[in-house]
């Protein structure tokens, strides 16, 4: 939405049922956590590039929250109160 309110500057289509969480990286990439299923995307508004970072992160269906720091995403998973750390470049979970 633009800073004057109300106008969508970018529209991105995702196959999942919805988006629940968003976070920005220092490189101005938007991280998107989806529901049904729980997937993680990266979207770069300047280029319009949308990339699936990691799919089917868990058996749960809901990325409740995203926190980003130094190339890693910490994802809060709703039902199970699970915390998953993901490398945002490779999409691999960090254990």
C-alpha atoms as a PDB file:
ATOM      1  CA  UNK A   1       0.000   0.000   0.000  1.00  0.00           C
ATOM      2  CA  UNK A   2       1.422   3.401  -0.834  1.00  0.00           C
ATOM      3  CA  UNK A   3       2.189   6.065   1.767  1.00  0.00           C
ATOM      4  CA  UNK A   4      -0.817   8.152   0.733  1.00  0.00           C
ATOM      5  CA  UNK A   5      -3.079   5.295   1.707  1.00  0.00           C
ATOM      6  CA  UNK A   6      -5.186   2.808  -0.088  1.00  0.00           C
ATOM      7  CA  UNK A   7      -3.432   2.081  -3.383  1.00  0.00           C
ATOM      8  CA  UNK A   8      -1.769  -1.282  -3.891  1.00  0.00           C
ATOM      9  CA  UNK A   9       1.614  -0.938  -5.550  1.00  0.00           C
ATOM     10  CA  UNK A  10       2.371  -4.680  -5.684  1.00  0.00           C
ATOM     11  CA  UNK A  11       0.089  -7.687  -5.829  1.00  0.00           C
ATOM     12  CA  UNK A  12       1.502 -11.189  -5.477  1.00  0.00           C
ATOM     13  CA  UNK A  13      -0.473 -14.390  -6.039  1.00  0.00           C
ATOM     14  CA  UNK A  14       0.229 -17.355  -3.761  1.00  0.00           C
ATOM     15  CA  UNK A  15      -1.414 -20.775  -3.997  1.00  0.00           C
ATOM     16  CA  UNK A  16      -1.762 -21.107  -0.213  1.00  0.00           C
ATOM     17  CA  UNK A  17      -5.011 -20.171   1.506  1.00  0.00           C
ATOM     18  CA  UNK A  18      -3.641 -17.099   3.183  1.00  0.00           C
ATOM     19  CA  UNK A  19      -0.802 -15.012   4.571  1.00  0.00           C
ATOM     20  CA  UNK A  20      -0.459 -14.583   8.305  1.00  0.00           C
ATOM     21  CA  UNK A  21       2.986 -13.121   8.933  1.00  0.00           C
ATOM     22  CA  UNK A  22       5.323 -10.642   7.260  1.00  0.00           C
ATOM     23  CA  UNK A  23       8.822  -9.364   8.056  1.00  0.00           C
ATOM     24  CA  UNK A  24      11.419  -7.229   6.246  1.00  0.00           C
ATOM     25  CA  UNK A  25      15.096  -8.080   5.776  1.00  0.00           C
ATOM     26  CA  UNK A  26      17.858  -5.454   5.825  1.00  0.00           C
ATOM     27  CA  UNK A  27      17.998  -5.801   2.004  1.00  0.00           C
ATOM     28  CA  UNK A  28      14.322  -4.739   1.761  1.00  0.00           C
ATOM     29  CA  UNK A  29      13.076  -8.215   0.908  1.00  0.00           C
ATOM     30  CA  UNK A  30       9.650  -9.041   2.295  1.00  0.00           C
ATOM     31  CA  UNK A  31       9.405 -12.413   4.042  1.00  0.00           C
ATOM     32  CA  UNK A  32       5.960 -14.014   3.840  1.00  0.00           C
ATOM     33  CA  UNK A  33       4.674 -16.778   6.105  1.00  0.00           C
ATOM     34  CA  UNK A  34       1.626 -18.610   4.782  1.00  0.00           C
ATOM     35  CA  UNK A  35      -1.164 -20.800   6.112  1.00  0.00           C
ATOM     36  CA  UNK A  36      -2.530 -24.063   4.697  1.00  0.00           C
ATOM     37  CA  UNK A  37       0.278 -25.047   4.197  1.00  0.00           C
ATOM     38  CA  UNK A  38       2.994 -23.398   6.312  1.00  0.00           C
ATOM     39  CA  UNK A  39       5.480 -22.084   3.737  1.00  0.00           C
ATOM     40  CA  UNK A  40       8.052 -19.282   3.695  1.00  0.00           C
ATOM     41  CA  UNK A  41       8.496 -16.949   0.704  1.00  0.00           C
ATOM     42  CA  UNK A  42      10.805 -14.055  -0.074  1.00  0.00           C
ATOM     43  CA  UNK A  43       9.518 -11.193  -2.222  1.00  0.00           C
ATOM     44  CA  UNK A  44      11.664  -8.372  -3.626  1.00  0.00           C
ATOM     45  CA  UNK A  45       9.381  -5.437  -4.510  1.00  0.00           C
ATOM     46  CA  UNK A  46      11.995  -3.631  -6.632  1.00  0.00           C
ATOM     47  CA  UNK A  47      12.278  -6.551  -9.068  1.00  0.00           C
ATOM     48  CA  UNK A  48       8.951  -8.305  -8.503  1.00  0.00           C
ATOM     49  CA  UNK A  49      10.846 -11.523  -7.772  1.00  0.00           C
ATOM     50  CA  UNK A  50       8.946 -14.034  -5.616  1.00  0.00           C
ATOM     51  CA  UNK A  51      10.894 -17.059  -4.325  1.00  0.00           C
ATOM     52  CA  UNK A  52       9.708 -20.029  -2.324  1.00  0.00           C
ATOM     53  CA  UNK A  53      12.347 -20.230   0.407  1.00  0.00           C
ATOM     54  CA  UNK A  54      11.053 -23.288   2.221  1.00  0.00           C
ATOM     55  CA  UNK A  55       7.920 -25.360   1.806  1.00  0.00           C
ATOM     56  CA  UNK A  56       6.152 -27.781   4.128  1.00  0.00           C
ATOM     57  CA  UNK A  57       8.187 -26.584   7.088  1.00  0.00           C
ATOM     58  CA  UNK A  58       6.136 -28.576   9.544  1.00  0.00           C
ATOM     59  CA  UNK A  59       3.098 -30.809   9.808  1.00  0.00           C
ATOM     60  CA  UNK A  60       1.287 -27.777  11.221  1.00  0.00           C
ATOM     61  CA  UNK A  61      -0.517 -25.464   8.800  1.00  0.00           C
ATOM     62  CA  UNK A  62       0.245 -22.023  10.174  1.00  0.00           C
ATOM     63  CA  UNK A  63       3.319 -19.734  10.264  1.00  0.00           C
ATOM     64  CA  UNK A  64       2.182 -17.468  13.094  1.00  0.00           C
ATOM     65  CA  UNK A  65       5.142 -15.115  13.324  1.00  0.00           C
ATOM     66  CA  UNK A  66       8.461 -14.342  11.589  1.00  0.00           C
ATOM     67  CA  UNK A  67      11.529 -12.768  13.149  1.00  0.00           C
ATOM     68  CA  UNK A  68      14.530 -12.026  10.913  1.00  0.00           C
ATOM     69  CA  UNK A  69      18.168 -11.492  11.937  1.00  0.00           C
ATOM     70  CA  UNK A  70      21.447 -11.905  10.059  1.00  0.00           C
ATOM     71  CA  UNK A  71      20.141 -14.125   7.259  1.00  0.00           C
ATOM     72  CA  UNK A  72      18.031 -16.393   9.454  1.00  0.00           C
ATOM     73  CA  UNK A  73      14.298 -16.530  10.063  1.00  0.00           C
ATOM     74  CA  UNK A  74      12.806 -17.704  13.317  1.00  0.00           C
ATOM     75  CA  UNK A  75       9.299 -18.913  12.627  1.00  0.00           C
ATOM     76  CA  UNK A  76       6.647 -19.353  15.284  1.00  0.00           C
ATOM     77  CA  UNK A  77       4.295 -22.194  14.436  1.00  0.00           C
ATOM     78  CA  UNK A  78       0.844 -21.678  15.897  1.00  0.00           C
ATOM     79  CA  UNK A  79      -0.761 -24.888  17.159  1.00  0.00           C
ATOM     80  CA  UNK A  80       2.302 -26.667  18.496  1.00  0.00           C
ATOM     81  CA  UNK A  81       4.113 -23.598  19.875  1.00  0.00           C
ATOM     82  CA  UNK A  82       7.056 -24.781  17.774  1.00  0.00           C
ATOM     83  CA  UNK A  83       9.996 -22.510  16.897  1.00  0.00           C
ATOM     84  CA  UNK A  84      11.759 -23.239  13.602  1.00  0.00           C
ATOM     85  CA  UNK A  85      14.989 -21.520  12.476  1.00  0.00           C
ATOM     86  CA  UNK A  86      15.498 -21.334   8.695  1.00  0.00           C
ATOM     87  CA  UNK A  87      18.468 -20.116   6.666  1.00  0.00           C
ATOM     88  CA  UNK A  88      16.784 -17.592   4.357  1.00  0.00           C
ATOM     89  CA  UNK A  89      19.226 -18.204   1.490  1.00  0.00           C
ATOM     90  CA  UNK A  90      19.175 -21.998   1.387  1.00  0.00           C
ATOM     91  CA  UNK A  91      15.742 -22.679   2.897  1.00  0.00           C
ATOM     92  CA  UNK A  92      17.257 -25.326   5.155  1.00  0.00           C
ATOM     93  CA  UNK A  93      16.169 -25.690   8.761  1.00  0.00           C
ATOM     94  CA  UNK A  94      18.845 -25.119  11.398  1.00  0.00           C
ATOM     95  CA  UNK A  95      18.815 -27.532  14.284  1.00  0.00           C
END
